[in-house]
């Protein structure tokens, strides 16, 4: 595997992170069928490339195969009228 590329295994791991950013490497291994050591190594490599953060959140969507032009989080509180 080329070190700068994200392959289908990486992408499946990232999809698990997208579904549940609080997941663990063991749960990802269970969901994907990959050995836990493979998941751990790939997560570490994705972190080192800064594609994902330490809390397993996606930092570089395009690099992991999810093109995204922008992301906006909006928090709205109810105001009594």
N, C-alpha and C. Protein backbone atom coordinates (compact mmCIF):
# COMPACT_ATOMS: atom_id res chain seq x y z
N UNK A 1 0.84 -1.19 0.00
CA UNK A 1 0.00 0.00 0.00
C UNK A 1 0.88 1.25 0.00
N UNK A 2 0.60 2.13 -0.89
CA UNK A 2 1.35 3.39 -0.93
C UNK A 2 0.99 4.22 0.30
N UNK A 3 2.00 4.77 0.95
CA UNK A 3 1.80 5.45 2.23
C UNK A 3 0.97 6.73 2.13
N UNK A 4 0.92 7.38 0.98
CA UNK A 4 0.19 8.64 0.87
C UNK A 4 -1.24 8.45 0.37
N UNK A 5 -1.63 7.25 0.08
CA UNK A 5 -2.95 7.00 -0.46
C UNK A 5 -3.87 6.41 0.59
N UNK A 6 -5.13 6.70 0.44
CA UNK A 6 -6.16 6.12 1.29
C UNK A 6 -6.85 5.05 0.44
N UNK A 7 -6.83 3.81 0.92
CA UNK A 7 -7.45 2.72 0.17
C UNK A 7 -8.82 2.38 0.76
N UNK A 8 -9.42 1.32 0.25
CA UNK A 8 -10.77 0.96 0.69
C UNK A 8 -10.81 0.55 2.16
N UNK A 9 -9.74 -0.06 2.67
CA UNK A 9 -9.72 -0.41 4.09
C UNK A 9 -9.73 0.86 4.94
N UNK A 10 -8.89 1.83 4.56
CA UNK A 10 -8.87 3.11 5.28
C UNK A 10 -10.24 3.75 5.23
N UNK A 11 -10.84 3.73 4.07
CA UNK A 11 -12.13 4.38 3.90
C UNK A 11 -13.21 3.72 4.76
N UNK A 12 -13.19 2.40 4.85
CA UNK A 12 -14.16 1.70 5.71
C UNK A 12 -13.94 2.07 7.17
N UNK A 13 -12.68 2.20 7.56
CA UNK A 13 -12.38 2.61 8.94
C UNK A 13 -12.91 4.01 9.18
N UNK A 14 -12.69 4.91 8.23
CA UNK A 14 -13.17 6.29 8.36
C UNK A 14 -14.70 6.32 8.41
N UNK A 15 -15.34 5.48 7.62
CA UNK A 15 -16.81 5.43 7.66
C UNK A 15 -17.31 5.04 9.05
N UNK A 16 -16.61 4.14 9.71
CA UNK A 16 -16.97 3.78 11.09
C UNK A 16 -16.80 4.99 12.01
N UNK A 17 -15.75 5.76 11.80
CA UNK A 17 -15.51 6.96 12.62
C UNK A 17 -16.59 8.01 12.38
N UNK A 18 -17.03 8.12 11.15
CA UNK A 18 -18.08 9.09 10.83
C UNK A 18 -19.37 8.71 11.54
N UNK A 19 -19.69 7.43 11.55
CA UNK A 19 -20.91 6.96 12.21
C UNK A 19 -20.84 7.16 13.72
N UNK A 20 -19.64 6.94 14.29
CA UNK A 20 -19.48 7.07 15.74
C UNK A 20 -18.06 7.52 16.06
N UNK A 21 -17.84 8.83 16.20
CA UNK A 21 -16.50 9.34 16.49
C UNK A 21 -15.93 8.85 17.82
N UNK A 22 -16.79 8.35 18.71
CA UNK A 22 -16.33 7.87 20.01
C UNK A 22 -16.03 6.37 20.00
N UNK A 23 -16.07 5.76 18.84
CA UNK A 23 -15.84 4.33 18.74
C UNK A 23 -14.40 3.97 19.12
N UNK A 24 -14.15 2.71 19.29
CA UNK A 24 -12.81 2.24 19.65
C UNK A 24 -12.23 1.42 18.50
N UNK A 25 -10.91 1.28 18.47
CA UNK A 25 -10.30 0.43 17.43
C UNK A 25 -10.86 -1.00 17.45
N UNK A 26 -11.15 -1.53 18.63
CA UNK A 26 -11.69 -2.90 18.71
C UNK A 26 -13.08 -2.96 18.06
N UNK A 27 -13.92 -1.97 18.32
CA UNK A 27 -15.25 -1.95 17.70
C UNK A 27 -15.16 -1.81 16.18
N UNK A 28 -14.21 -1.00 15.73
CA UNK A 28 -14.00 -0.87 14.28
C UNK A 28 -13.58 -2.21 13.70
N UNK A 29 -12.69 -2.91 14.39
CA UNK A 29 -12.25 -4.23 13.94
C UNK A 29 -13.44 -5.18 13.86
N UNK A 30 -14.31 -5.14 14.87
CA UNK A 30 -15.49 -6.00 14.88
C UNK A 30 -16.42 -5.67 13.71
N UNK A 31 -16.59 -4.38 13.42
CA UNK A 31 -17.51 -3.96 12.36
C UNK A 31 -16.96 -4.24 10.96
N UNK A 32 -15.66 -4.13 10.80
CA UNK A 32 -15.07 -4.29 9.47
C UNK A 32 -14.56 -5.70 9.19
N UNK A 33 -14.30 -6.45 10.25
CA UNK A 33 -13.71 -7.77 10.07
C UNK A 33 -12.20 -7.74 9.92
N UNK A 34 -11.60 -6.56 10.05
CA UNK A 34 -10.15 -6.43 9.97
C UNK A 34 -9.54 -6.80 11.32
N UNK A 35 -8.33 -7.34 11.32
CA UNK A 35 -7.67 -7.62 12.59
C UNK A 35 -7.47 -6.32 13.39
N UNK A 36 -7.61 -6.37 14.72
CA UNK A 36 -7.41 -5.17 15.53
C UNK A 36 -6.06 -4.50 15.28
N UNK A 37 -5.01 -5.28 15.04
CA UNK A 37 -3.69 -4.69 14.79
C UNK A 37 -3.69 -3.88 13.49
N UNK A 38 -4.42 -4.34 12.49
CA UNK A 38 -4.53 -3.60 11.22
C UNK A 38 -5.24 -2.28 11.45
N UNK A 39 -6.34 -2.32 12.18
CA UNK A 39 -7.10 -1.09 12.47
C UNK A 39 -6.22 -0.10 13.22
N UNK A 40 -5.51 -0.59 14.24
CA UNK A 40 -4.67 0.27 15.05
C UNK A 40 -3.58 0.92 14.20
N UNK A 41 -2.91 0.15 13.35
CA UNK A 41 -1.85 0.69 12.50
C UNK A 41 -2.39 1.73 11.52
N UNK A 42 -3.54 1.44 10.95
CA UNK A 42 -4.11 2.37 9.98
C UNK A 42 -4.60 3.65 10.66
N UNK A 43 -5.18 3.54 11.83
CA UNK A 43 -5.59 4.74 12.57
C UNK A 43 -4.36 5.60 12.90
N UNK A 44 -3.29 4.96 13.32
CA UNK A 44 -2.07 5.70 13.63
C UNK A 44 -1.53 6.40 12.40
N UNK A 45 -1.52 5.71 11.26
CA UNK A 45 -1.03 6.32 10.02
C UNK A 45 -1.92 7.49 9.60
N UNK A 46 -3.24 7.33 9.71
CA UNK A 46 -4.16 8.41 9.36
C UNK A 46 -3.96 9.62 10.28
N UNK A 47 -3.65 9.36 11.55
CA UNK A 47 -3.36 10.46 12.48
C UNK A 47 -2.04 11.14 12.11
N UNK A 48 -1.02 10.36 11.80
CA UNK A 48 0.27 10.92 11.46
C UNK A 48 0.19 11.78 10.20
N UNK A 49 -0.66 11.39 9.27
CA UNK A 49 -0.86 12.17 8.04
C UNK A 49 -1.79 13.36 8.28
N UNK A 50 -2.33 13.45 9.51
CA UNK A 50 -3.28 14.49 9.91
C UNK A 50 -4.57 14.44 9.11
N UNK A 51 -4.96 13.23 8.70
CA UNK A 51 -6.25 13.04 8.04
C UNK A 51 -7.34 12.92 9.09
N UNK A 52 -6.99 12.38 10.25
CA UNK A 52 -7.92 12.31 11.38
C UNK A 52 -7.20 12.86 12.60
N UNK A 53 -7.99 13.32 13.57
CA UNK A 53 -7.41 13.85 14.80
C UNK A 53 -7.24 12.75 15.84
N UNK A 54 -6.67 13.12 16.96
CA UNK A 54 -6.41 12.14 18.02
C UNK A 54 -7.70 11.56 18.59
N UNK A 55 -8.76 12.34 18.57
CA UNK A 55 -10.04 11.84 19.05
C UNK A 55 -10.81 11.11 17.96
N UNK A 56 -10.10 10.74 16.90
CA UNK A 56 -10.66 10.01 15.76
C UNK A 56 -11.72 10.79 15.01
N UNK A 57 -11.60 12.11 14.98
CA UNK A 57 -12.50 12.89 14.13
C UNK A 57 -11.77 13.17 12.82
N UNK A 58 -12.53 13.33 11.76
CA UNK A 58 -11.94 13.55 10.43
C UNK A 58 -11.49 14.99 10.32
N UNK A 59 -10.21 15.18 9.99
CA UNK A 59 -9.64 16.52 9.82
C UNK A 59 -9.57 16.92 8.36
N UNK A 60 -9.29 15.97 7.49
CA UNK A 60 -9.12 16.26 6.07
C UNK A 60 -10.04 15.35 5.27
N UNK A 61 -11.26 15.82 5.05
CA UNK A 61 -12.28 15.01 4.39
C UNK A 61 -11.85 14.59 2.99
N UNK A 62 -11.29 15.49 2.23
CA UNK A 62 -10.88 15.17 0.86
C UNK A 62 -9.80 14.10 0.83
N UNK A 63 -8.87 14.16 1.77
CA UNK A 63 -7.76 13.20 1.79
C UNK A 63 -8.24 11.77 2.07
N UNK A 64 -9.34 11.64 2.78
CA UNK A 64 -9.86 10.30 3.09
C UNK A 64 -10.99 9.88 2.15
N UNK A 65 -11.11 10.60 1.03
CA UNK A 65 -12.04 10.20 -0.01
C UNK A 65 -13.44 10.74 0.09
N UNK A 66 -13.63 11.78 0.88
CA UNK A 66 -14.94 12.41 1.01
C UNK A 66 -14.82 13.88 0.67
N UNK A 67 -14.92 14.22 -0.62
CA UNK A 67 -14.79 15.63 -0.99
C UNK A 67 -15.84 16.49 -0.28
N UNK A 68 -15.40 17.57 0.26
CA UNK A 68 -16.28 18.45 1.01
C UNK A 68 -15.80 19.87 0.83
N UNK A 69 -16.67 20.74 0.37
CA UNK A 69 -16.26 22.12 0.16
C UNK A 69 -16.30 22.92 1.45
N UNK A 70 -17.30 22.66 2.29
CA UNK A 70 -17.37 23.36 3.57
C UNK A 70 -18.23 22.55 4.53
N UNK A 71 -18.03 22.86 5.77
CA UNK A 71 -18.83 22.22 6.82
C UNK A 71 -19.21 23.31 7.81
N UNK A 72 -20.47 23.36 8.14
CA UNK A 72 -20.95 24.39 9.05
C UNK A 72 -21.72 23.72 10.18
N UNK A 73 -21.34 24.01 11.39
CA UNK A 73 -22.09 23.55 12.56
C UNK A 73 -22.85 24.75 13.10
N UNK A 74 -24.13 24.56 13.30
CA UNK A 74 -24.98 25.65 13.79
C UNK A 74 -25.66 25.20 15.08
N UNK A 75 -25.56 26.03 16.08
CA UNK A 75 -26.27 25.77 17.33
C UNK A 75 -27.30 26.87 17.51
N UNK A 76 -28.53 26.46 17.69
CA UNK A 76 -29.62 27.42 17.82
C UNK A 76 -30.27 27.20 19.18
N UNK A 77 -30.45 28.27 19.90
CA UNK A 77 -31.15 28.16 21.18
C UNK A 77 -32.52 28.78 21.04
N UNK A 78 -33.45 28.21 21.78
CA UNK A 78 -34.81 28.74 21.74
C UNK A 78 -34.89 30.05 22.50
N UNK A 79 -35.56 31.00 21.92
CA UNK A 79 -35.72 32.31 22.55
C UNK A 79 -37.20 32.55 22.76
N UNK A 80 -37.59 32.90 23.98
CA UNK A 80 -38.99 33.18 24.26
C UNK A 80 -39.39 34.46 23.55
N UNK A 81 -40.50 34.39 22.85
CA UNK A 81 -40.98 35.56 22.11
C UNK A 81 -41.98 36.34 22.91
